[in-house]
Amino acid sequence: VDWYREHWQWEGLRSLVMIESTRQVGEDPPTVQKRYYISSLGAQSQLISNAIRSHWGIESMHWTLDMTFREDESRVRLGHAAKTLSIARKFALNLLRKAPGKDSIKGKQQTAGWNQEYLMEILQA
């Protein structure tokens, strides 16, 4: 990265990465998105791509937790309550993912709230 004129601003900077992803939903035209990263890793493309994939997997989980359980709105801050609720939400999310049916996570959550038999089916899965 010596060619990058401002590389001195990031101590340990060893690589600049650009990931281009194409996504197509249904019959809509595909969308192309470019994401840029800086890294202290050398030019080890497999290692860097695994780290980026892992990062977006975690981001996806947090987005799902926020959309399903409104996690970002939680104001719990005392003692161990925040950590305990976080564990409970992740546990519930995994149960909902494994639950039978093709409905969304949010849909399964609502159905479980309305239908005690479906709730028991989820808990026993």
N, C-alpha and C. Protein backbone atom coordinates (compact mmCIF):
# COMPACT_ATOMS: atom_id res chain seq x y z
N VAL A 1 0.82 -1.21 0.00
CA VAL A 1 0.00 0.00 0.00
C VAL A 1 0.86 1.26 0.00
N ASP A 2 2.13 1.13 -0.25
CA ASP A 2 2.99 2.31 -0.28
C ASP A 2 2.55 3.30 -1.34
N TRP A 3 1.89 2.83 -2.39
CA TRP A 3 1.44 3.70 -3.47
C TRP A 3 0.31 4.61 -3.01
N TYR A 4 -0.39 4.24 -1.93
CA TYR A 4 -1.51 5.06 -1.44
C TYR A 4 -0.93 6.24 -0.68
N ARG A 5 -1.17 7.45 -1.17
CA ARG A 5 -0.47 8.63 -0.65
C ARG A 5 -0.77 8.93 0.82
N GLU A 6 -1.89 8.44 1.35
CA GLU A 6 -2.21 8.73 2.75
C GLU A 6 -2.08 7.50 3.64
N HIS A 7 -1.31 6.50 3.18
CA HIS A 7 -1.19 5.27 3.96
C HIS A 7 -0.57 5.50 5.33
N TRP A 8 0.20 6.54 5.49
CA TRP A 8 0.86 6.83 6.76
C TRP A 8 -0.14 7.18 7.86
N GLN A 9 -1.37 7.53 7.51
CA GLN A 9 -2.37 7.91 8.52
C GLN A 9 -2.90 6.69 9.29
N TRP A 10 -2.71 5.49 8.76
CA TRP A 10 -3.17 4.28 9.44
C TRP A 10 -1.97 3.40 9.74
N GLU A 11 -1.53 3.43 10.98
CA GLU A 11 -0.40 2.60 11.36
C GLU A 11 -0.77 1.13 11.18
N GLY A 12 0.07 0.39 10.54
CA GLY A 12 -0.17 -1.03 10.33
C GLY A 12 -1.01 -1.35 9.11
N LEU A 13 -1.41 -0.34 8.35
CA LEU A 13 -2.21 -0.58 7.15
C LEU A 13 -1.39 -1.39 6.14
N ARG A 14 -1.95 -2.54 5.74
CA ARG A 14 -1.24 -3.39 4.80
C ARG A 14 -2.03 -3.71 3.56
N SER A 15 -3.35 -3.48 3.60
CA SER A 15 -4.13 -3.77 2.40
C SER A 15 -5.39 -2.92 2.33
N LEU A 16 -5.77 -2.62 1.11
CA LEU A 16 -7.03 -1.95 0.80
C LEU A 16 -7.84 -2.97 0.01
N VAL A 17 -9.10 -3.14 0.38
CA VAL A 17 -9.91 -4.19 -0.22
C VAL A 17 -11.19 -3.58 -0.78
N MET A 18 -11.58 -4.05 -1.95
CA MET A 18 -12.86 -3.67 -2.53
C MET A 18 -13.62 -4.96 -2.83
N ILE A 19 -14.82 -5.06 -2.28
CA ILE A 19 -15.68 -6.22 -2.53
C ILE A 19 -16.86 -5.73 -3.36
N GLU A 20 -17.10 -6.40 -4.46
CA GLU A 20 -18.25 -6.07 -5.30
C GLU A 20 -19.25 -7.21 -5.20
N SER A 21 -20.47 -6.88 -4.81
CA SER A 21 -21.50 -7.92 -4.70
C SER A 21 -22.68 -7.57 -5.58
N THR A 22 -23.25 -8.60 -6.17
CA THR A 22 -24.43 -8.45 -7.02
C THR A 22 -25.58 -9.18 -6.35
N ARG A 23 -26.72 -8.51 -6.27
CA ARG A 23 -27.90 -9.09 -5.62
C ARG A 23 -29.10 -8.93 -6.54
N GLN A 24 -29.84 -10.01 -6.69
CA GLN A 24 -31.06 -9.94 -7.49
C GLN A 24 -32.20 -10.56 -6.69
N VAL A 25 -33.28 -9.81 -6.56
CA VAL A 25 -34.46 -10.27 -5.85
C VAL A 25 -35.59 -10.43 -6.86
N GLY A 26 -36.05 -11.66 -7.00
CA GLY A 26 -37.15 -11.93 -7.93
C GLY A 26 -36.82 -11.51 -9.35
N GLU A 27 -37.76 -10.80 -9.96
CA GLU A 27 -37.60 -10.36 -11.34
C GLU A 27 -36.99 -8.96 -11.44
N ASP A 28 -36.71 -8.34 -10.30
CA ASP A 28 -36.09 -7.01 -10.32
C ASP A 28 -34.71 -7.07 -10.95
N PRO A 29 -34.27 -5.98 -11.54
CA PRO A 29 -32.91 -5.98 -12.10
C PRO A 29 -31.88 -6.11 -10.97
N PRO A 30 -30.76 -6.74 -11.26
CA PRO A 30 -29.74 -6.90 -10.22
C PRO A 30 -29.17 -5.56 -9.78
N THR A 31 -28.79 -5.50 -8.52
CA THR A 31 -28.11 -4.31 -8.00
C THR A 31 -26.67 -4.71 -7.67
N VAL A 32 -25.77 -3.82 -7.97
CA VAL A 32 -24.35 -4.05 -7.71
C VAL A 32 -23.91 -3.05 -6.65
N GLN A 33 -23.22 -3.57 -5.63
CA GLN A 33 -22.76 -2.70 -4.55
C GLN A 33 -21.27 -2.95 -4.33
N LYS A 34 -20.53 -1.87 -4.15
CA LYS A 34 -19.11 -1.98 -3.85
C LYS A 34 -18.89 -1.52 -2.41
N ARG A 35 -18.10 -2.31 -1.67
CA ARG A 35 -17.74 -1.96 -0.30
C ARG A 35 -16.22 -1.92 -0.22
N TYR A 36 -15.73 -0.96 0.53
CA TYR A 36 -14.29 -0.78 0.65
C TYR A 36 -13.87 -1.00 2.10
N TYR A 37 -12.72 -1.65 2.28
CA TYR A 37 -12.21 -1.96 3.60
C TYR A 37 -10.72 -1.64 3.64
N ILE A 38 -10.25 -1.35 4.85
CA ILE A 38 -8.81 -1.26 5.08
C ILE A 38 -8.47 -2.36 6.08
N SER A 39 -7.24 -2.86 6.01
CA SER A 39 -6.89 -3.98 6.86
C SER A 39 -5.41 -3.97 7.22
N SER A 40 -5.12 -4.53 8.39
CA SER A 40 -3.73 -4.72 8.78
C SER A 40 -3.23 -6.08 8.29
N LEU A 41 -4.12 -6.87 7.68
CA LEU A 41 -3.71 -8.15 7.11
C LEU A 41 -3.01 -7.90 5.78
N GLY A 42 -2.08 -8.77 5.45
CA GLY A 42 -1.43 -8.68 4.15
C GLY A 42 -2.40 -9.10 3.06
N ALA A 43 -1.89 -9.27 1.87
CA ALA A 43 -2.73 -9.60 0.72
C ALA A 43 -3.09 -11.09 0.73
N GLN A 44 -3.80 -11.51 1.77
CA GLN A 44 -4.24 -12.90 1.90
C GLN A 44 -5.74 -12.92 1.62
N SER A 45 -6.10 -13.02 0.37
CA SER A 45 -7.49 -12.82 -0.05
C SER A 45 -8.47 -13.74 0.66
N GLN A 46 -8.12 -15.00 0.87
CA GLN A 46 -9.06 -15.93 1.52
C GLN A 46 -9.31 -15.52 2.96
N LEU A 47 -8.26 -15.16 3.68
CA LEU A 47 -8.39 -14.74 5.08
C LEU A 47 -9.22 -13.46 5.18
N ILE A 48 -8.96 -12.51 4.32
CA ILE A 48 -9.70 -11.24 4.34
C ILE A 48 -11.16 -11.47 3.97
N SER A 49 -11.41 -12.27 2.94
CA SER A 49 -12.81 -12.50 2.55
C SER A 49 -13.57 -13.24 3.64
N ASN A 50 -12.92 -14.16 4.35
CA ASN A 50 -13.58 -14.85 5.46
C ASN A 50 -13.91 -13.88 6.59
N ALA A 51 -13.00 -12.96 6.88
CA ALA A 51 -13.25 -11.97 7.93
C ALA A 51 -14.42 -11.06 7.55
N ILE A 52 -14.47 -10.65 6.30
CA ILE A 52 -15.56 -9.78 5.84
C ILE A 52 -16.89 -10.53 5.88
N ARG A 53 -16.90 -11.78 5.41
CA ARG A 53 -18.12 -12.59 5.44
C ARG A 53 -18.61 -12.78 6.87
N SER A 54 -17.67 -13.04 7.78
CA SER A 54 -18.02 -13.21 9.19
C SER A 54 -18.63 -11.93 9.75
N HIS A 55 -18.04 -10.79 9.41
CA HIS A 55 -18.55 -9.50 9.87
C HIS A 55 -19.99 -9.30 9.42
N TRP A 56 -20.27 -9.56 8.14
CA TRP A 56 -21.63 -9.34 7.62
C TRP A 56 -22.61 -10.36 8.16
N GLY A 57 -22.14 -11.56 8.51
CA GLY A 57 -23.01 -12.53 9.16
C GLY A 57 -23.47 -12.03 10.52
N ILE A 58 -22.54 -11.42 11.26
CA ILE A 58 -22.87 -10.85 12.57
C ILE A 58 -23.80 -9.66 12.39
N GLU A 59 -23.52 -8.80 11.41
CA GLU A 59 -24.40 -7.65 11.15
C GLU A 59 -25.81 -8.12 10.80
N SER A 60 -25.91 -9.18 10.02
CA SER A 60 -27.21 -9.72 9.64
C SER A 60 -27.97 -10.21 10.87
N MET A 61 -27.26 -10.89 11.78
CA MET A 61 -27.90 -11.37 13.00
C MET A 61 -28.40 -10.20 13.83
N HIS A 62 -27.58 -9.16 13.97
CA HIS A 62 -27.99 -8.00 14.77
C HIS A 62 -29.17 -7.28 14.13
N TRP A 63 -29.20 -7.22 12.81
CA TRP A 63 -30.34 -6.60 12.12
C TRP A 63 -31.61 -7.40 12.42
N THR A 64 -31.50 -8.73 12.34
CA THR A 64 -32.66 -9.59 12.61
C THR A 64 -33.12 -9.43 14.05
N LEU A 65 -32.18 -9.38 15.00
CA LEU A 65 -32.54 -9.18 16.40
C LEU A 65 -33.25 -7.85 16.59
N ASP A 66 -32.78 -6.82 15.91
CA ASP A 66 -33.41 -5.51 16.05
C ASP A 66 -34.80 -5.49 15.43
N MET A 67 -34.95 -6.08 14.26
CA MET A 67 -36.26 -6.08 13.59
C MET A 67 -37.27 -6.96 14.32
N THR A 68 -36.82 -8.07 14.86
CA THR A 68 -37.73 -9.02 15.51
C THR A 68 -38.04 -8.62 16.95
N PHE A 69 -37.00 -8.23 17.69
CA PHE A 69 -37.16 -7.97 19.12
C PHE A 69 -36.97 -6.50 19.50
N ARG A 70 -36.79 -5.64 18.48
CA ARG A 70 -36.56 -4.21 18.69
C ARG A 70 -35.43 -3.99 19.71
N GLU A 71 -34.37 -4.74 19.52
CA GLU A 71 -33.26 -4.75 20.46
C GLU A 71 -32.62 -3.37 20.64
N ASP A 72 -32.52 -2.60 19.56
CA ASP A 72 -31.89 -1.28 19.67
C ASP A 72 -32.69 -0.32 20.55
N GLU A 73 -33.98 -0.59 20.73
CA GLU A 73 -34.82 0.27 21.56
C GLU A 73 -34.75 -0.07 23.04
N SER A 74 -34.11 -1.17 23.38
CA SER A 74 -34.04 -1.61 24.77
C SER A 74 -33.28 -0.58 25.61
N ARG A 75 -33.83 -0.26 26.76
CA ARG A 75 -33.19 0.69 27.68
C ARG A 75 -32.72 0.00 28.95
N VAL A 76 -32.65 -1.31 28.93
CA VAL A 76 -32.20 -2.08 30.09
C VAL A 76 -30.71 -1.86 30.27
N ARG A 77 -30.31 -1.39 31.44
CA ARG A 77 -28.89 -1.08 31.66
C ARG A 77 -28.37 -1.59 33.02
N LEU A 78 -29.24 -1.97 33.93
CA LEU A 78 -28.81 -2.29 35.29
C LEU A 78 -28.33 -3.73 35.44
N GLY A 79 -27.27 -3.90 36.22
CA GLY A 79 -26.78 -5.23 36.54
C GLY A 79 -26.49 -6.07 35.32
N HIS A 80 -26.92 -7.32 35.41
CA HIS A 80 -26.70 -8.28 34.33
C HIS A 80 -27.90 -8.38 33.39
N ALA A 81 -28.89 -7.54 33.59
CA ALA A 81 -30.14 -7.66 32.83
C ALA A 81 -29.92 -7.54 31.32
N ALA A 82 -29.10 -6.60 30.88
CA ALA A 82 -28.88 -6.40 29.44
C ALA A 82 -28.26 -7.65 28.82
N LYS A 83 -27.26 -8.21 29.47
CA LYS A 83 -26.60 -9.42 28.96
C LYS A 83 -27.56 -10.60 28.97
N THR A 84 -28.34 -10.72 30.05
CA THR A 84 -29.30 -11.82 30.17
C THR A 84 -30.36 -11.73 29.07
N LEU A 85 -30.89 -10.53 28.82
CA LEU A 85 -31.88 -10.35 27.76
C LEU A 85 -31.27 -10.63 26.39
N SER A 86 -30.03 -10.23 26.18
CA SER A 86 -29.36 -10.49 24.90
C SER A 86 -29.26 -11.99 24.64
N ILE A 87 -28.88 -12.74 25.67
CA ILE A 87 -28.78 -14.20 25.53
C ILE A 87 -30.16 -14.79 25.25
N ALA A 88 -31.18 -14.32 25.97
CA ALA A 88 -32.55 -14.83 25.78
C ALA A 88 -33.05 -14.53 24.36
N ARG A 89 -32.75 -13.34 23.84
CA ARG A 89 -33.18 -12.99 22.48
C ARG A 89 -32.51 -13.89 21.44
N LYS A 90 -31.21 -14.13 21.61
CA LYS A 90 -30.49 -14.99 20.66
C LYS A 90 -31.01 -16.43 20.73
N PHE A 91 -31.33 -16.88 21.94
CA PHE A 91 -31.90 -18.21 22.12
C PHE A 91 -33.26 -18.29 21.41
N ALA A 92 -34.10 -17.28 21.62
CA ALA A 92 -35.42 -17.23 20.98
C ALA A 92 -35.28 -17.16 19.46
N LEU A 93 -34.33 -16.36 18.98
CA LEU A 93 -34.11 -16.25 17.53
C LEU A 93 -33.76 -17.61 16.93
N ASN A 94 -32.88 -18.35 17.59
CA ASN A 94 -32.50 -19.67 17.09
C ASN A 94 -33.69 -20.64 17.11
N LEU A 95 -34.52 -20.56 18.16
CA LEU A 95 -35.72 -21.40 18.20
C LEU A 95 -36.65 -21.06 17.04
N LEU A 96 -36.83 -19.76 16.79
CA LEU A 96 -37.72 -19.33 15.70
C LEU A 96 -37.17 -19.74 14.34
N ARG A 97 -35.85 -19.71 14.18
CA ARG A 97 -35.24 -20.13 12.91
C ARG A 97 -35.49 -21.61 12.65
N LYS A 98 -35.45 -22.41 13.72
CA LYS A 98 -35.66 -23.85 13.58
C LYS A 98 -37.13 -24.23 13.51
N ALA A 99 -38.00 -23.31 13.84
CA ALA A 99 -39.44 -23.60 13.90
C ALA A 99 -39.98 -24.01 12.54
N PRO A 100 -40.96 -24.90 12.54
CA PRO A 100 -41.55 -25.33 11.26
C PRO A 100 -42.29 -24.19 10.58
N GLY A 101 -42.39 -24.29 9.29
CA GLY A 101 -43.12 -23.29 8.52
C GLY A 101 -42.19 -22.42 7.71
N LYS A 102 -42.77 -21.75 6.72
CA LYS A 102 -41.98 -20.92 5.82
C LYS A 102 -42.16 -19.44 6.10
N ASP A 103 -42.86 -19.12 7.16
CA ASP A 103 -43.09 -17.72 7.51
C ASP A 103 -41.78 -17.06 7.93
N SER A 104 -41.75 -15.74 7.94
CA SER A 104 -40.57 -15.01 8.40
C SER A 104 -40.40 -15.21 9.90
N ILE A 105 -39.24 -14.82 10.41
CA ILE A 105 -38.99 -14.90 11.85
C ILE A 105 -40.05 -14.09 12.60
N LYS A 106 -40.29 -12.87 12.13
CA LYS A 106 -41.29 -12.01 12.77
C LYS A 106 -42.68 -12.66 12.70
N GLY A 107 -43.01 -13.26 11.58
CA GLY A 107 -44.30 -13.94 11.43
C GLY A 107 -44.44 -15.11 12.38
N LYS A 108 -43.36 -15.90 12.51
CA LYS A 108 -43.39 -17.03 13.44
C LYS A 108 -43.55 -16.53 14.88
N GLN A 109 -42.88 -15.42 15.19
CA GLN A 109 -42.99 -14.85 16.54
C GLN A 109 -44.44 -14.43 16.82
N GLN A 110 -45.06 -13.77 15.87
CA GLN A 110 -46.46 -13.34 16.05
C GLN A 110 -47.38 -14.55 16.18
N THR A 111 -47.19 -15.55 15.34
CA THR A 111 -48.03 -16.75 15.41
C THR A 111 -47.87 -17.43 16.76
N ALA A 112 -46.64 -17.50 17.26
CA ALA A 112 -46.40 -18.11 18.58
C ALA A 112 -47.10 -17.31 19.68
N GLY A 113 -47.20 -16.00 19.52
CA GLY A 113 -47.90 -15.18 20.50
C GLY A 113 -49.40 -15.38 20.47
N TRP A 114 -49.93 -15.76 19.33
CA TRP A 114 -51.38 -15.94 19.17
C TRP A 114 -51.82 -17.39 19.37
N ASN A 115 -50.91 -18.33 19.16
CA ASN A 115 -51.29 -19.74 19.11
C ASN A 115 -50.40 -20.53 20.07
N GLN A 116 -50.96 -20.93 21.21
CA GLN A 116 -50.18 -21.61 22.23
C GLN A 116 -49.66 -22.97 21.75
N GLU A 117 -50.42 -23.65 20.90
CA GLU A 117 -49.96 -24.94 20.37
C GLU A 117 -48.71 -24.75 19.50
N TYR A 118 -48.70 -23.69 18.68
CA TYR A 118 -47.53 -23.41 17.85
C TYR A 118 -46.34 -23.02 18.73
N LEU A 119 -46.59 -22.25 19.79
CA LEU A 119 -45.54 -21.89 20.73
C LEU A 119 -44.92 -23.14 21.34
N MET A 120 -45.75 -24.08 21.77
CA MET A 120 -45.24 -25.32 22.36
C MET A 120 -44.46 -26.13 21.33
N GLU A 121 -44.91 -26.10 20.09
CA GLU A 121 -44.19 -26.80 19.01
C GLU A 121 -42.79 -26.21 18.84
N ILE A 122 -42.68 -24.90 18.92
CA ILE A 122 -41.38 -24.23 18.81
C ILE A 122 -40.49 -24.61 19.98
N LEU A 123 -41.05 -24.56 21.18
CA LEU A 123 -40.26 -24.83 22.39
C LEU A 123 -39.80 -26.28 22.47
N GLN A 124 -40.54 -27.18 21.84
CA GLN A 124 -40.20 -28.60 21.89
C GLN A 124 -39.35 -29.05 20.71
N ALA A 125 -39.09 -28.17 19.77
CA ALA A 125 -38.32 -28.54 18.57
C ALA A 125 -36.87 -28.82 18.92
